[in-house]
Amino acid sequence: MRQQKLECTNEEKINEFLTTAKTGFLGLVDGKHPYVVPLNFVYYQGSIYVHGASEGRKIDILQDNRNACFTVSEDFGTMVHPVPAHTDTAFMSVMVFGSVEFVEDLEEATGAMQAMLNKYVPGYYNNPLAASHVEKYRSSLGSKTAVIKITPDKLTAKENALNDKMNFKPGRNVIEDL
């Protein structure tokens, strides 16, 4: 990591971030070209899980190359400074590098999908997700759901904490900061 001062090594903070962030970006290599897909995800049992149709470009790419990068980033605001070059953003980001596997174990797939429901719609369903639903579900286009797992080989995280005193709000003007 080039900017060492922004590196985050606090595992508890990284785990919390991956548990609560809503959207991640799956980066794959399609021959010579990058292919990045925004996805809902869950960080479950130390791995990233996503789901989607069992056919399509993403699946075709993964048949040839299972290496992936999964990136999650959240913006926490902009911090102003009277010197324009010192204006900055507050953020946290995590990059997970690893290989992808298609989850074939029904119990693992159901657990990951239940964890995803718990993340995005906590308390909405009265009963846990049935394994039969995961096994038999078909999309409106007729494809089966694929559950995909990215096991980290390497994980990096960066953060730039928000300085509340310098947090930009509409109407704030440089005159206030001189």
N, C-alpha and C. Protein backbone atom coordinates (compact mmCIF):
# COMPACT_ATOMS: atom_id res chain seq x y z
N MET A 1 0.85 -1.17 0.00
CA MET A 1 0.00 0.00 0.00
C MET A 1 0.90 1.23 0.00
N ARG A 2 0.64 2.11 -0.94
CA ARG A 2 1.49 3.28 -1.11
C ARG A 2 1.31 4.29 0.02
N GLN A 3 0.08 4.57 0.41
CA GLN A 3 -0.17 5.55 1.48
C GLN A 3 -0.35 4.83 2.81
N GLN A 4 0.78 4.52 3.43
CA GLN A 4 0.79 3.75 4.67
C GLN A 4 -0.05 4.41 5.77
N LYS A 5 -0.10 5.74 5.80
CA LYS A 5 -0.83 6.42 6.87
C LYS A 5 -2.34 6.17 6.79
N LEU A 6 -2.82 5.73 5.63
CA LEU A 6 -4.25 5.44 5.48
C LEU A 6 -4.58 3.96 5.69
N GLU A 7 -3.56 3.14 5.86
CA GLU A 7 -3.80 1.71 6.01
C GLU A 7 -4.55 1.43 7.32
N CYS A 8 -5.55 0.57 7.23
CA CYS A 8 -6.29 0.12 8.41
C CYS A 8 -5.97 -1.35 8.62
N THR A 9 -5.49 -1.68 9.80
CA THR A 9 -5.18 -3.07 10.12
C THR A 9 -6.04 -3.59 11.27
N ASN A 10 -6.98 -2.78 11.73
CA ASN A 10 -7.85 -3.15 12.84
C ASN A 10 -8.89 -4.15 12.33
N GLU A 11 -8.69 -5.43 12.65
CA GLU A 11 -9.57 -6.49 12.15
C GLU A 11 -11.01 -6.30 12.58
N GLU A 12 -11.23 -5.84 13.79
CA GLU A 12 -12.59 -5.62 14.27
C GLU A 12 -13.29 -4.55 13.42
N LYS A 13 -12.59 -3.46 13.13
CA LYS A 13 -13.16 -2.39 12.31
C LYS A 13 -13.42 -2.87 10.88
N ILE A 14 -12.49 -3.64 10.34
CA ILE A 14 -12.66 -4.17 8.98
C ILE A 14 -13.85 -5.12 8.92
N ASN A 15 -13.96 -6.02 9.89
CA ASN A 15 -15.09 -6.96 9.93
C ASN A 15 -16.41 -6.23 10.06
N GLU A 16 -16.48 -5.21 10.92
CA GLU A 16 -17.70 -4.43 11.09
C GLU A 16 -18.06 -3.73 9.78
N PHE A 17 -17.07 -3.16 9.12
CA PHE A 17 -17.30 -2.47 7.84
C PHE A 17 -17.85 -3.44 6.80
N LEU A 18 -17.21 -4.60 6.66
CA LEU A 18 -17.68 -5.59 5.68
C LEU A 18 -19.06 -6.15 6.05
N THR A 19 -19.38 -6.14 7.31
CA THR A 19 -20.68 -6.64 7.76
C THR A 19 -21.80 -5.65 7.45
N THR A 20 -21.51 -4.36 7.47
CA THR A 20 -22.57 -3.36 7.33
C THR A 20 -22.64 -2.69 5.95
N ALA A 21 -21.54 -2.63 5.22
CA ALA A 21 -21.56 -1.98 3.90
C ALA A 21 -22.54 -2.71 2.98
N LYS A 22 -23.19 -1.98 2.12
CA LYS A 22 -24.29 -2.54 1.33
C LYS A 22 -23.88 -3.05 -0.06
N THR A 23 -22.93 -2.40 -0.72
CA THR A 23 -22.61 -2.76 -2.10
C THR A 23 -21.12 -3.00 -2.25
N GLY A 24 -20.79 -4.06 -2.97
CA GLY A 24 -19.40 -4.35 -3.30
C GLY A 24 -19.27 -4.50 -4.80
N PHE A 25 -18.04 -4.48 -5.27
CA PHE A 25 -17.77 -4.57 -6.70
C PHE A 25 -16.85 -5.76 -6.96
N LEU A 26 -17.36 -6.71 -7.73
CA LEU A 26 -16.61 -7.91 -8.08
C LEU A 26 -15.83 -7.63 -9.35
N GLY A 27 -14.51 -7.68 -9.24
CA GLY A 27 -13.64 -7.44 -10.38
C GLY A 27 -13.08 -8.75 -10.90
N LEU A 28 -13.29 -8.96 -12.21
CA LEU A 28 -12.83 -10.17 -12.88
C LEU A 28 -12.04 -9.78 -14.12
N VAL A 29 -11.35 -10.76 -14.71
CA VAL A 29 -10.61 -10.51 -15.95
C VAL A 29 -11.23 -11.35 -17.05
N ASP A 30 -11.77 -10.65 -18.06
CA ASP A 30 -12.39 -11.29 -19.22
C ASP A 30 -11.39 -11.24 -20.37
N GLY A 31 -10.54 -12.26 -20.42
CA GLY A 31 -9.47 -12.23 -21.42
C GLY A 31 -8.47 -11.14 -21.04
N LYS A 32 -8.40 -10.10 -21.86
CA LYS A 32 -7.50 -8.97 -21.58
C LYS A 32 -8.21 -7.82 -20.88
N HIS A 33 -9.52 -7.89 -20.76
CA HIS A 33 -10.28 -6.73 -20.31
C HIS A 33 -10.87 -6.93 -18.91
N PRO A 34 -10.88 -5.86 -18.12
CA PRO A 34 -11.51 -5.96 -16.80
C PRO A 34 -13.02 -5.99 -16.94
N TYR A 35 -13.66 -6.62 -15.99
CA TYR A 35 -15.11 -6.69 -15.92
C TYR A 35 -15.47 -6.55 -14.44
N VAL A 36 -16.19 -5.50 -14.09
CA VAL A 36 -16.52 -5.21 -12.70
C VAL A 36 -18.04 -5.13 -12.57
N VAL A 37 -18.57 -5.85 -11.58
CA VAL A 37 -20.00 -5.94 -11.37
C VAL A 37 -20.35 -5.48 -9.96
N PRO A 38 -21.25 -4.48 -9.81
CA PRO A 38 -21.71 -4.11 -8.47
C PRO A 38 -22.70 -5.16 -7.96
N LEU A 39 -22.56 -5.55 -6.71
CA LEU A 39 -23.39 -6.63 -6.16
C LEU A 39 -23.73 -6.39 -4.69
N ASN A 40 -24.87 -6.90 -4.29
CA ASN A 40 -25.14 -7.07 -2.87
C ASN A 40 -24.26 -8.22 -2.40
N PHE A 41 -23.88 -8.21 -1.15
CA PHE A 41 -22.99 -9.26 -0.65
C PHE A 41 -23.17 -9.42 0.84
N VAL A 42 -22.59 -10.49 1.33
CA VAL A 42 -22.52 -10.69 2.77
C VAL A 42 -21.13 -11.20 3.11
N TYR A 43 -20.59 -10.69 4.21
CA TYR A 43 -19.33 -11.19 4.75
C TYR A 43 -19.73 -12.20 5.81
N TYR A 44 -19.48 -13.47 5.51
CA TYR A 44 -20.01 -14.57 6.31
C TYR A 44 -18.93 -15.61 6.51
N GLN A 45 -18.65 -15.91 7.75
CA GLN A 45 -17.65 -16.91 8.11
C GLN A 45 -16.30 -16.66 7.44
N GLY A 46 -15.91 -15.38 7.38
CA GLY A 46 -14.59 -15.01 6.88
C GLY A 46 -14.46 -14.95 5.37
N SER A 47 -15.56 -15.08 4.65
CA SER A 47 -15.54 -15.01 3.18
C SER A 47 -16.63 -14.07 2.69
N ILE A 48 -16.48 -13.64 1.46
CA ILE A 48 -17.49 -12.83 0.78
C ILE A 48 -18.40 -13.78 0.01
N TYR A 49 -19.71 -13.61 0.16
CA TYR A 49 -20.68 -14.40 -0.60
C TYR A 49 -21.55 -13.46 -1.42
N VAL A 50 -21.77 -13.82 -2.66
CA VAL A 50 -22.70 -13.13 -3.54
C VAL A 50 -23.57 -14.18 -4.21
N HIS A 51 -24.61 -13.73 -4.85
CA HIS A 51 -25.45 -14.68 -5.58
C HIS A 51 -25.93 -14.03 -6.86
N GLY A 52 -26.36 -14.84 -7.77
CA GLY A 52 -26.88 -14.34 -9.04
C GLY A 52 -27.25 -15.50 -9.94
N ALA A 53 -27.58 -15.17 -11.16
CA ALA A 53 -27.96 -16.19 -12.12
C ALA A 53 -26.80 -17.15 -12.36
N SER A 54 -27.13 -18.40 -12.60
CA SER A 54 -26.11 -19.42 -12.83
C SER A 54 -25.62 -19.42 -14.27
N GLU A 55 -26.03 -18.42 -15.02
CA GLU A 55 -25.53 -18.28 -16.39
C GLU A 55 -25.38 -16.81 -16.71
N GLY A 56 -24.54 -16.49 -17.67
CA GLY A 56 -24.31 -15.11 -18.05
C GLY A 56 -22.82 -14.82 -18.11
N ARG A 57 -22.50 -13.57 -18.39
CA ARG A 57 -21.10 -13.18 -18.60
C ARG A 57 -20.23 -13.45 -17.38
N LYS A 58 -20.70 -13.09 -16.20
CA LYS A 58 -19.92 -13.30 -14.98
C LYS A 58 -19.55 -14.78 -14.82
N ILE A 59 -20.52 -15.66 -15.03
CA ILE A 59 -20.28 -17.10 -14.88
C ILE A 59 -19.33 -17.58 -15.97
N ASP A 60 -19.52 -17.10 -17.19
CA ASP A 60 -18.62 -17.49 -18.29
C ASP A 60 -17.17 -17.10 -17.98
N ILE A 61 -16.97 -15.89 -17.47
CA ILE A 61 -15.62 -15.44 -17.12
C ILE A 61 -15.04 -16.33 -16.03
N LEU A 62 -15.83 -16.63 -15.01
CA LEU A 62 -15.34 -17.45 -13.89
C LEU A 62 -15.02 -18.88 -14.30
N GLN A 63 -15.63 -19.37 -15.36
CA GLN A 63 -15.29 -20.71 -15.85
C GLN A 63 -13.83 -20.75 -16.32
N ASP A 64 -13.34 -19.61 -16.85
CA ASP A 64 -11.98 -19.53 -17.38
C ASP A 64 -10.95 -19.05 -16.37
N ASN A 65 -11.37 -18.19 -15.44
CA ASN A 65 -10.41 -17.59 -14.52
C ASN A 65 -11.13 -17.30 -13.20
N ARG A 66 -10.76 -18.01 -12.16
CA ARG A 66 -11.42 -17.89 -10.85
C ARG A 66 -10.82 -16.80 -9.97
N ASN A 67 -9.76 -16.13 -10.44
CA ASN A 67 -9.16 -15.06 -9.64
C ASN A 67 -10.08 -13.85 -9.63
N ALA A 68 -10.20 -13.23 -8.46
CA ALA A 68 -11.11 -12.09 -8.34
C ALA A 68 -10.59 -11.09 -7.32
N CYS A 69 -11.10 -9.88 -7.46
CA CYS A 69 -10.90 -8.83 -6.46
C CYS A 69 -12.29 -8.32 -6.13
N PHE A 70 -12.62 -8.26 -4.85
CA PHE A 70 -13.91 -7.73 -4.41
C PHE A 70 -13.62 -6.48 -3.60
N THR A 71 -14.17 -5.35 -4.05
CA THR A 71 -13.89 -4.06 -3.42
C THR A 71 -15.16 -3.48 -2.83
N VAL A 72 -15.04 -2.98 -1.61
CA VAL A 72 -16.14 -2.31 -0.92
C VAL A 72 -15.61 -0.95 -0.49
N SER A 73 -16.38 0.10 -0.77
CA SER A 73 -15.96 1.45 -0.40
C SER A 73 -17.17 2.26 0.02
N GLU A 74 -17.01 3.03 1.06
CA GLU A 74 -18.08 3.91 1.54
C GLU A 74 -17.51 5.31 1.73
N ASP A 75 -18.28 6.29 1.30
CA ASP A 75 -17.93 7.71 1.43
C ASP A 75 -18.58 8.24 2.70
N PHE A 76 -17.81 8.93 3.55
CA PHE A 76 -18.34 9.45 4.80
C PHE A 76 -18.41 10.97 4.83
N GLY A 77 -18.07 11.62 3.72
CA GLY A 77 -18.18 13.08 3.66
C GLY A 77 -16.93 13.71 3.07
N THR A 78 -17.04 15.01 2.85
CA THR A 78 -15.92 15.78 2.32
C THR A 78 -15.45 16.74 3.39
N MET A 79 -14.14 16.83 3.54
CA MET A 79 -13.56 17.73 4.53
C MET A 79 -12.91 18.90 3.79
N VAL A 80 -13.36 20.10 4.16
CA VAL A 80 -12.88 21.31 3.49
C VAL A 80 -11.59 21.81 4.12
N HIS A 81 -10.90 22.67 3.38
CA HIS A 81 -9.70 23.33 3.85
C HIS A 81 -9.52 24.59 3.03
N PRO A 82 -9.07 25.68 3.65
CA PRO A 82 -8.88 26.91 2.88
C PRO A 82 -7.93 26.76 1.69
N VAL A 83 -7.02 25.80 1.77
CA VAL A 83 -6.13 25.51 0.63
C VAL A 83 -6.78 24.39 -0.18
N PRO A 84 -7.20 24.66 -1.42
CA PRO A 84 -7.92 23.66 -2.20
C PRO A 84 -7.25 22.29 -2.26
N ALA A 85 -5.94 22.24 -2.35
CA ALA A 85 -5.23 20.96 -2.46
C ALA A 85 -5.35 20.13 -1.18
N HIS A 86 -5.79 20.74 -0.09
CA HIS A 86 -5.92 20.01 1.17
C HIS A 86 -7.37 19.58 1.44
N THR A 87 -8.28 19.92 0.53
CA THR A 87 -9.65 19.42 0.64
C THR A 87 -9.58 17.91 0.43
N ASP A 88 -10.32 17.15 1.20
CA ASP A 88 -10.17 15.69 1.18
C ASP A 88 -11.51 15.01 1.43
N THR A 89 -11.55 13.73 1.21
CA THR A 89 -12.75 12.95 1.48
C THR A 89 -12.49 11.98 2.63
N ALA A 90 -13.55 11.71 3.37
CA ALA A 90 -13.50 10.70 4.43
C ALA A 90 -14.09 9.43 3.85
N PHE A 91 -13.42 8.30 4.10
CA PHE A 91 -13.88 7.06 3.49
C PHE A 91 -13.29 5.87 4.23
N MET A 92 -13.81 4.72 3.88
CA MET A 92 -13.18 3.45 4.22
C MET A 92 -13.36 2.56 3.02
N SER A 93 -12.33 1.78 2.72
CA SER A 93 -12.42 0.82 1.62
C SER A 93 -11.66 -0.44 2.00
N VAL A 94 -12.16 -1.55 1.47
CA VAL A 94 -11.52 -2.84 1.68
C VAL A 94 -11.45 -3.53 0.32
N MET A 95 -10.30 -4.11 0.04
CA MET A 95 -10.13 -4.91 -1.17
C MET A 95 -9.79 -6.33 -0.75
N VAL A 96 -10.57 -7.28 -1.25
CA VAL A 96 -10.37 -8.69 -0.96
C VAL A 96 -9.89 -9.36 -2.24
N PHE A 97 -8.72 -9.94 -2.19
CA PHE A 97 -8.17 -10.67 -3.33
C PHE A 97 -8.25 -12.15 -3.04
N GLY A 98 -8.73 -12.92 -3.99
CA GLY A 98 -8.85 -14.36 -3.75
C GLY A 98 -9.38 -15.08 -4.96
N SER A 99 -9.72 -16.32 -4.74
CA SER A 99 -10.29 -17.10 -5.83
C SER A 99 -11.75 -17.40 -5.51
N VAL A 100 -12.50 -17.56 -6.58
CA VAL A 100 -13.94 -17.76 -6.48
C VAL A 100 -14.23 -19.25 -6.55
N GLU A 101 -15.20 -19.67 -5.74
CA GLU A 101 -15.72 -21.02 -5.89
C GLU A 101 -17.24 -20.97 -5.91
N PHE A 102 -17.82 -21.84 -6.67
CA PHE A 102 -19.27 -21.97 -6.70
C PHE A 102 -19.66 -22.87 -5.53
N VAL A 103 -20.53 -22.39 -4.68
CA VAL A 103 -20.92 -23.13 -3.48
C VAL A 103 -21.91 -24.21 -3.89
N GLU A 104 -21.48 -25.44 -3.76
CA GLU A 104 -22.32 -26.60 -4.11
C GLU A 104 -23.01 -27.19 -2.88
N ASP A 105 -22.41 -26.98 -1.70
CA ASP A 105 -22.97 -27.51 -0.46
C ASP A 105 -24.23 -26.73 -0.11
N LEU A 106 -25.36 -27.40 -0.08
CA LEU A 106 -26.66 -26.76 0.15
C LEU A 106 -26.73 -26.09 1.52
N GLU A 107 -26.17 -26.72 2.52
CA GLU A 107 -26.19 -26.14 3.87
C GLU A 107 -25.40 -24.83 3.91
N GLU A 108 -24.22 -24.80 3.29
CA GLU A 108 -23.41 -23.59 3.24
C GLU A 108 -24.12 -22.50 2.43
N ALA A 109 -24.69 -22.87 1.29
CA ALA A 109 -25.40 -21.90 0.44
C ALA A 109 -26.59 -21.31 1.19
N THR A 110 -27.34 -22.14 1.89
CA THR A 110 -28.51 -21.68 2.64
C THR A 110 -28.07 -20.76 3.78
N GLY A 111 -26.99 -21.12 4.46
CA GLY A 111 -26.47 -20.27 5.54
C GLY A 111 -26.05 -18.90 5.02
N ALA A 112 -25.37 -18.87 3.89
CA ALA A 112 -24.94 -17.60 3.31
C ALA A 112 -26.14 -16.76 2.87
N MET A 113 -27.12 -17.40 2.25
CA MET A 113 -28.30 -16.67 1.81
C MET A 113 -29.12 -16.17 3.01
N GLN A 114 -29.18 -16.94 4.09
CA GLN A 114 -29.86 -16.49 5.30
C GLN A 114 -29.12 -15.29 5.89
N ALA A 115 -27.79 -15.36 5.90
CA ALA A 115 -27.00 -14.23 6.41
C ALA A 115 -27.26 -12.97 5.57
N MET A 116 -27.45 -13.15 4.27
CA MET A 116 -27.74 -12.01 3.40
C MET A 116 -29.11 -11.42 3.73
N LEU A 117 -30.10 -12.28 3.95
CA LEU A 117 -31.43 -11.78 4.35
C LEU A 117 -31.35 -11.05 5.69
N ASN A 118 -30.58 -11.60 6.62
CA ASN A 118 -30.43 -10.96 7.93
C ASN A 118 -29.79 -9.58 7.80
N LYS A 119 -28.91 -9.43 6.83
CA LYS A 119 -28.22 -8.15 6.62
C LYS A 119 -29.15 -7.11 5.98
N TYR A 120 -29.84 -7.50 4.92
CA TYR A 120 -30.60 -6.53 4.13
C TYR A 120 -32.04 -6.34 4.61
N VAL A 121 -32.64 -7.35 5.20
CA VAL A 121 -34.03 -7.23 5.69
C VAL A 121 -34.14 -7.90 7.06
N PRO A 122 -33.40 -7.40 8.06
CA PRO A 122 -33.41 -8.06 9.37
C PRO A 122 -34.80 -8.08 9.99
N GLY A 123 -35.19 -9.26 10.46
CA GLY A 123 -36.46 -9.43 11.13
C GLY A 123 -37.69 -9.47 10.23
N TYR A 124 -37.52 -9.37 8.94
CA TYR A 124 -38.66 -9.32 8.03
C TYR A 124 -39.38 -10.67 7.95
N TYR A 125 -38.61 -11.73 7.83
CA TYR A 125 -39.22 -13.06 7.69
C TYR A 125 -39.39 -13.71 9.05
N ASN A 126 -40.53 -14.39 9.21
CA ASN A 126 -40.81 -15.06 10.49
C ASN A 126 -40.07 -16.37 10.65
N ASN A 127 -39.70 -16.99 9.53
CA ASN A 127 -39.03 -18.29 9.57
C ASN A 127 -37.72 -18.23 8.82
N PRO A 128 -36.77 -19.07 9.22
CA PRO A 128 -35.50 -19.11 8.50
C PRO A 128 -35.70 -19.59 7.06
N LEU A 129 -34.79 -19.23 6.23
CA LEU A 129 -34.82 -19.64 4.82
C LEU A 129 -34.71 -21.16 4.72
N ALA A 130 -35.60 -21.74 3.94
CA ALA A 130 -35.58 -23.20 3.77
C ALA A 130 -34.55 -23.58 2.71
N ALA A 131 -33.83 -24.63 2.98
CA ALA A 131 -32.85 -25.13 2.01
C ALA A 131 -33.53 -25.48 0.69
N SER A 132 -34.76 -25.95 0.75
CA SER A 132 -35.48 -26.30 -0.48
C SER A 132 -35.71 -25.07 -1.36
N HIS A 133 -35.87 -23.91 -0.75
CA HIS A 133 -36.04 -22.68 -1.53
C HIS A 133 -34.75 -22.36 -2.29
N VAL A 134 -33.63 -22.47 -1.60
CA VAL A 134 -32.34 -22.20 -2.24
C VAL A 134 -32.10 -23.20 -3.37
N GLU A 135 -32.43 -24.44 -3.11
CA GLU A 135 -32.19 -25.51 -4.09
C GLU A 135 -33.08 -25.39 -5.32
N LYS A 136 -34.33 -24.98 -5.13
CA LYS A 136 -35.30 -25.04 -6.23
C LYS A 136 -35.59 -23.70 -6.90
N TYR A 137 -35.15 -22.59 -6.32
CA TYR A 137 -35.51 -21.28 -6.86
C TYR A 137 -34.99 -21.09 -8.29
N ARG A 138 -35.84 -20.51 -9.12
CA ARG A 138 -35.47 -20.15 -10.50
C ARG A 138 -35.87 -18.70 -10.73
N SER A 139 -35.04 -17.95 -11.44
CA SER A 139 -35.35 -16.55 -11.74
C SER A 139 -36.48 -16.46 -12.74
N SER A 140 -36.95 -15.25 -12.99
CA SER A 140 -38.02 -15.05 -13.97
C SER A 140 -37.58 -15.46 -15.37
N LEU A 141 -36.25 -15.52 -15.59
CA LEU A 141 -35.72 -15.97 -16.88
C LEU A 141 -35.41 -17.47 -16.88
N GLY A 142 -35.68 -18.13 -15.76
CA GLY A 142 -35.53 -19.58 -15.70
C GLY A 142 -34.21 -20.11 -15.21
N SER A 143 -33.28 -19.21 -14.84
CA SER A 143 -31.98 -19.73 -14.41
C SER A 143 -31.95 -19.98 -12.91
N LYS A 144 -31.16 -20.95 -12.54
CA LYS A 144 -30.95 -21.30 -11.14
C LYS A 144 -30.07 -20.23 -10.50
N THR A 145 -30.19 -20.10 -9.20
CA THR A 145 -29.33 -19.16 -8.47
C THR A 145 -28.00 -19.81 -8.15
N ALA A 146 -26.93 -19.07 -8.47
CA ALA A 146 -25.59 -19.52 -8.12
C ALA A 146 -25.15 -18.74 -6.88
N VAL A 147 -24.63 -19.44 -5.90
CA VAL A 147 -24.04 -18.80 -4.73
C VAL A 147 -22.53 -18.90 -4.91
N ILE A 148 -21.90 -17.75 -4.83
CA ILE A 148 -20.46 -17.65 -5.12
C ILE A 148 -19.73 -17.19 -3.86
N LYS A 149 -18.61 -17.82 -3.60
CA LYS A 149 -17.81 -17.54 -2.40
C LYS A 149 -16.43 -17.06 -2.83
N ILE A 150 -15.99 -15.96 -2.23
CA ILE A 150 -14.63 -15.46 -2.46
C ILE A 150 -13.90 -15.58 -1.14
N THR A 151 -12.95 -16.48 -1.12
CA THR A 151 -12.14 -16.69 0.07
C THR A 151 -10.90 -15.82 -0.04
N PRO A 152 -10.68 -14.94 0.94
CA PRO A 152 -9.55 -14.02 0.85
C PRO A 152 -8.19 -14.72 0.92
N ASP A 153 -7.35 -14.44 -0.09
CA ASP A 153 -5.93 -14.78 -0.01
C ASP A 153 -5.18 -13.60 0.60
N LYS A 154 -5.69 -12.41 0.28
CA LYS A 154 -5.11 -11.16 0.77
C LYS A 154 -6.25 -10.16 0.93
N LEU A 155 -6.14 -9.35 1.97
CA LEU A 155 -7.14 -8.33 2.23
C LEU A 155 -6.41 -7.06 2.62
N THR A 156 -6.77 -5.94 1.98
CA THR A 156 -6.19 -4.66 2.35
C THR A 156 -7.33 -3.69 2.68
N ALA A 157 -7.06 -2.75 3.59
CA ALA A 157 -8.08 -1.77 3.96
C ALA A 157 -7.43 -0.41 4.14
N LYS A 158 -8.18 0.61 3.74
CA LYS A 158 -7.75 2.00 3.91
C LYS A 158 -8.89 2.79 4.52
N GLU A 159 -8.51 3.79 5.31
CA GLU A 159 -9.53 4.68 5.85
C GLU A 159 -8.96 6.07 6.06
N ASN A 160 -9.82 7.03 5.88
CA ASN A 160 -9.51 8.42 6.17
C ASN A 160 -10.70 8.92 7.00
N ALA A 161 -10.50 9.01 8.30
CA ALA A 161 -11.60 9.34 9.21
C ALA A 161 -12.11 10.76 8.98
N LEU A 162 -13.38 10.94 9.21
CA LEU A 162 -14.02 12.24 9.06
C LEU A 162 -13.65 13.15 10.22
N ASN A 163 -13.16 14.33 9.90
CA ASN A 163 -12.92 15.37 10.89
C ASN A 163 -14.20 16.21 10.91
N ASP A 164 -15.03 16.04 11.94
CA ASP A 164 -16.33 16.71 12.00
C ASP A 164 -16.22 18.23 11.89
N LYS A 165 -15.15 18.80 12.42
CA LYS A 165 -14.98 20.26 12.37
C LYS A 165 -14.80 20.76 10.94
N MET A 166 -14.32 19.90 10.06
CA MET A 166 -14.05 20.31 8.68
C MET A 166 -15.05 19.70 7.69
N ASN A 167 -16.09 19.05 8.20
CA ASN A 167 -17.08 18.39 7.35
C ASN A 167 -17.86 19.43 6.54
N PHE A 168 -17.84 19.28 5.23
CA PHE A 168 -18.56 20.21 4.37
C PHE A 168 -20.06 19.97 4.44
N LYS A 169 -20.80 21.06 4.58
CA LYS A 169 -22.27 21.05 4.49
C LYS A 169 -22.65 22.14 3.50
N PRO A 170 -23.70 21.94 2.72
CA PRO A 170 -24.12 22.99 1.79
C PRO A 170 -24.30 24.33 2.53
N GLY A 171 -23.78 25.36 1.95
CA GLY A 171 -23.84 26.69 2.55
C GLY A 171 -22.55 27.09 3.25
N ARG A 172 -21.71 26.12 3.57
CA ARG A 172 -20.43 26.44 4.21
C ARG A 172 -19.56 27.14 3.18
N ASN A 173 -18.80 28.15 3.64
CA ASN A 173 -17.97 28.93 2.74
C ASN A 173 -16.57 29.05 3.34
N VAL A 174 -15.59 29.19 2.49
CA VAL A 174 -14.19 29.27 2.90
C VAL A 174 -13.95 30.40 3.90
N ILE A 175 -14.73 31.45 3.83
CA ILE A 175 -14.58 32.58 4.76
C ILE A 175 -14.67 32.11 6.21
N GLU A 176 -15.51 31.12 6.48
CA GLU A 176 -15.67 30.58 7.84
C GLU A 176 -14.41 29.90 8.34
N ASP A 177 -13.56 29.45 7.43
CA ASP A 177 -12.39 28.64 7.81
C ASP A 177 -11.08 29.42 7.77
N LEU A 178 -11.15 30.69 7.45
CA LEU A 178 -9.90 31.49 7.41
C LEU A 178 -9.56 32.04 8.77
